[in-house]
């Protein structure tokens, strides 16, 4: 929660360090994927899109249907000039979302 509070207050560097520590102590692949996805958001705010893409790719290796990771990966690909890769990731996210029952939540 502290890492997210720092992110919200735009202390990206400290938040990034805390997410790094959380990543070392995660308890499951899904938790690691969520941490990586949140760390990717920090990279994006710092305009480090290649780092964000790497974190999202790794998150999706651990938990393939994590919608936030898919969407952040697509946006990162757009920022680094890879629109075809971005489109493919967005399509995967669309197919995943459209196959889910309407519950107000995403993976």
C-alpha atoms as a PDB file:
ATOM      1  CA  UNK A   1       0.000   0.000   0.000  1.00  0.00           C
ATOM      2  CA  UNK A   2       2.890   2.345   0.725  1.00  0.00           C
ATOM      3  CA  UNK A   3       4.244   1.879  -2.817  1.00  0.00           C
ATOM      4  CA  UNK A   4       0.843   2.781  -4.247  1.00  0.00           C
ATOM      5  CA  UNK A   5       0.562   5.816  -1.959  1.00  0.00           C
ATOM      6  CA  UNK A   6       3.962   7.022  -3.181  1.00  0.00           C
ATOM      7  CA  UNK A   7       2.864   6.441  -6.773  1.00  0.00           C
ATOM      8  CA  UNK A   8      -0.280   8.496  -6.158  1.00  0.00           C
ATOM      9  CA  UNK A   9       1.821  11.316  -4.723  1.00  0.00           C
ATOM     10  CA  UNK A  10       4.042  11.104  -7.840  1.00  0.00           C
ATOM     11  CA  UNK A  11       7.142   9.929  -5.927  1.00  0.00           C
ATOM     12  CA  UNK A  12       7.883   7.498  -8.722  1.00  0.00           C
ATOM     13  CA  UNK A  13      11.499   6.709  -7.874  1.00  0.00           C
ATOM     14  CA  UNK A  14      10.754   5.672  -4.275  1.00  0.00           C
ATOM     15  CA  UNK A  15       7.631   3.817  -5.366  1.00  0.00           C
ATOM     16  CA  UNK A  16       9.693   1.935  -7.944  1.00  0.00           C
ATOM     17  CA  UNK A  17      12.144   0.855  -5.230  1.00  0.00           C
ATOM     18  CA  UNK A  18       9.321  -0.402  -3.022  1.00  0.00           C
ATOM     19  CA  UNK A  19       7.785  -2.377  -5.893  1.00  0.00           C
ATOM     20  CA  UNK A  20      11.234  -3.906  -6.503  1.00  0.00           C
ATOM     21  CA  UNK A  21      11.284  -5.064  -2.869  1.00  0.00           C
ATOM     22  CA  UNK A  22       7.746  -6.427  -3.132  1.00  0.00           C
ATOM     23  CA  UNK A  23       8.733  -8.371  -6.204  1.00  0.00           C
ATOM     24  CA  UNK A  24      11.459 -10.135  -4.232  1.00  0.00           C
ATOM     25  CA  UNK A  25       8.981 -11.251  -1.559  1.00  0.00           C
ATOM     26  CA  UNK A  26       5.903 -12.178  -3.621  1.00  0.00           C
ATOM     27  CA  UNK A  27       4.008 -15.320  -2.676  1.00  0.00           C
ATOM     28  CA  UNK A  28       2.473 -16.383  -6.001  1.00  0.00           C
ATOM     29  CA  UNK A  29       2.798 -15.923  -9.756  1.00  0.00           C
ATOM     30  CA  UNK A  30      -0.418 -13.919  -9.809  1.00  0.00           C
ATOM     31  CA  UNK A  31       0.897 -11.595  -7.095  1.00  0.00           C
ATOM     32  CA  UNK A  32       4.203 -11.167  -8.958  1.00  0.00           C
ATOM     33  CA  UNK A  33       2.270 -10.397 -12.155  1.00  0.00           C
ATOM     34  CA  UNK A  34       0.244  -7.710 -10.358  1.00  0.00           C
ATOM     35  CA  UNK A  35       3.419  -6.179  -8.899  1.00  0.00           C
ATOM     36  CA  UNK A  36       5.085  -6.151 -12.318  1.00  0.00           C
ATOM     37  CA  UNK A  37       1.991  -4.557 -13.856  1.00  0.00           C
ATOM     38  CA  UNK A  38       1.988  -1.825 -11.206  1.00  0.00           C
ATOM     39  CA  UNK A  39       5.713  -1.285 -11.680  1.00  0.00           C
ATOM     40  CA  UNK A  40       5.067  -0.951 -15.424  1.00  0.00           C
ATOM     41  CA  UNK A  41       2.665   1.912 -14.671  1.00  0.00           C
ATOM     42  CA  UNK A  42       5.492   3.701 -12.864  1.00  0.00           C
ATOM     43  CA  UNK A  43       7.842   3.149 -15.792  1.00  0.00           C
ATOM     44  CA  UNK A  44       5.184   4.606 -18.086  1.00  0.00           C
ATOM     45  CA  UNK A  45       4.806   7.705 -15.907  1.00  0.00           C
ATOM     46  CA  UNK A  46       8.590   8.099 -16.110  1.00  0.00           C
ATOM     47  CA  UNK A  47       8.384   7.693 -19.920  1.00  0.00           C
ATOM     48  CA  UNK A  48      10.449   4.494 -19.735  1.00  0.00           C
ATOM     49  CA  UNK A  49       8.228   2.611 -22.146  1.00  0.00           C
ATOM     50  CA  UNK A  50      10.662  -0.177 -23.033  1.00  0.00           C
ATOM     51  CA  UNK A  51      11.007  -1.010 -19.314  1.00  0.00           C
ATOM     52  CA  UNK A  52       7.231  -0.924 -18.958  1.00  0.00           C
ATOM     53  CA  UNK A  53       6.865  -3.320 -21.881  1.00  0.00           C
ATOM     54  CA  UNK A  54       9.388  -5.731 -20.339  1.00  0.00           C
ATOM     55  CA  UNK A  55       7.521  -5.748 -17.025  1.00  0.00           C
ATOM     56  CA  UNK A  56       4.194  -6.354 -18.767  1.00  0.00           C
ATOM     57  CA  UNK A  57       5.642  -9.130 -20.916  1.00  0.00           C
ATOM     58  CA  UNK A  58       7.017 -10.809 -17.803  1.00  0.00           C
ATOM     59  CA  UNK A  59       3.694 -10.350 -15.971  1.00  0.00           C
ATOM     60  CA  UNK A  60       1.854 -11.992 -18.848  1.00  0.00           C
ATOM     61  CA  UNK A  61       4.272 -14.928 -18.829  1.00  0.00           C
ATOM     62  CA  UNK A  62       3.290 -15.486 -15.190  1.00  0.00           C
ATOM     63  CA  UNK A  63      -0.421 -14.755 -15.574  1.00  0.00           C
ATOM     64  CA  UNK A  64      -1.499 -14.624 -19.243  1.00  0.00           C
ATOM     65  CA  UNK A  65      -4.978 -13.120 -18.833  1.00  0.00           C
ATOM     66  CA  UNK A  66      -4.091 -10.087 -16.720  1.00  0.00           C
ATOM     67  CA  UNK A  67      -6.023  -7.409 -18.578  1.00  0.00           C
ATOM     68  CA  UNK A  68      -4.193  -4.441 -17.063  1.00  0.00           C
ATOM     69  CA  UNK A  69      -0.874  -5.929 -18.167  1.00  0.00           C
ATOM     70  CA  UNK A  70      -2.232  -6.474 -21.680  1.00  0.00           C
ATOM     71  CA  UNK A  71      -3.479  -2.903 -21.952  1.00  0.00           C
ATOM     72  CA  UNK A  72      -0.293  -1.385 -20.537  1.00  0.00           C
ATOM     73  CA  UNK A  73       1.790  -3.555 -22.839  1.00  0.00           C
ATOM     74  CA  UNK A  74      -0.210  -2.362 -25.843  1.00  0.00           C
ATOM     75  CA  UNK A  75       0.236   1.284 -24.826  1.00  0.00           C
ATOM     76  CA  UNK A  76       3.952   0.725 -24.251  1.00  0.00           C
ATOM     77  CA  UNK A  77       4.320  -0.847 -27.678  1.00  0.00           C
ATOM     78  CA  UNK A  78       2.621   2.191 -29.218  1.00  0.00           C
ATOM     79  CA  UNK A  79       5.023   4.526 -27.418  1.00  0.00           C
ATOM     80  CA  UNK A  80       8.100   2.635 -28.674  1.00  0.00           C
ATOM     81  CA  UNK A  81       6.825   2.597 -32.253  1.00  0.00           C
ATOM     82  CA  UNK A  82       5.528  -0.968 -32.526  1.00  0.00           C
ATOM     83  CA  UNK A  83       1.909  -0.489 -33.622  1.00  0.00           C
ATOM     84  CA  UNK A  84       1.490  -4.023 -35.010  1.00  0.00           C
ATOM     85  CA  UNK A  85       2.541  -5.562 -31.702  1.00  0.00           C
ATOM     86  CA  UNK A  86       0.267  -3.100 -29.894  1.00  0.00           C
ATOM     87  CA  UNK A  87      -2.703  -4.064 -32.065  1.00  0.00           C
ATOM     88  CA  UNK A  88      -2.106  -7.765 -31.426  1.00  0.00           C
ATOM     89  CA  UNK A  89      -1.972  -7.237 -27.669  1.00  0.00           C
ATOM     90  CA  UNK A  90      -5.090  -5.052 -27.723  1.00  0.00           C
ATOM     91  CA  UNK A  91      -6.909  -7.750 -29.688  1.00  0.00           C
ATOM     92  CA  UNK A  92      -5.886 -10.365 -27.114  1.00  0.00           C
ATOM     93  CA  UNK A  93      -7.184  -8.117 -24.347  1.00  0.00           C
ATOM     94  CA  UNK A  94     -10.428  -7.538 -26.249  1.00  0.00           C
ATOM     95  CA  UNK A  95     -10.971 -11.270 -26.741  1.00  0.00           C
ATOM     96  CA  UNK A  96     -10.242 -11.942 -23.090  1.00  0.00           C
ATOM     97  CA  UNK A  97     -12.595  -9.203 -21.895  1.00  0.00           C
ATOM     98  CA  UNK A  98     -15.374 -10.128 -24.309  1.00  0.00           C
ATOM     99  CA  UNK A  99     -15.278 -13.774 -23.210  1.00  0.00           C
ATOM    100  CA  UNK A 100     -15.868 -12.841 -19.545  1.00  0.00           C
ATOM    101  CA  UNK A 101     -19.322 -12.540 -17.981  1.00  0.00           C
ATOM    102  CA  UNK A 102     -20.311  -8.969 -17.157  1.00  0.00           C
ATOM    103  CA  UNK A 103     -19.382  -8.549 -13.504  1.00  0.00           C
ATOM    104  CA  UNK A 104     -17.796  -5.103 -13.369  1.00  0.00           C
ATOM    105  CA  UNK A 105     -14.373  -6.609 -12.726  1.00  0.00           C
ATOM    106  CA  UNK A 106     -11.436  -7.512 -14.952  1.00  0.00           C
ATOM    107  CA  UNK A 107      -8.659 -10.054 -14.349  1.00  0.00           C
END
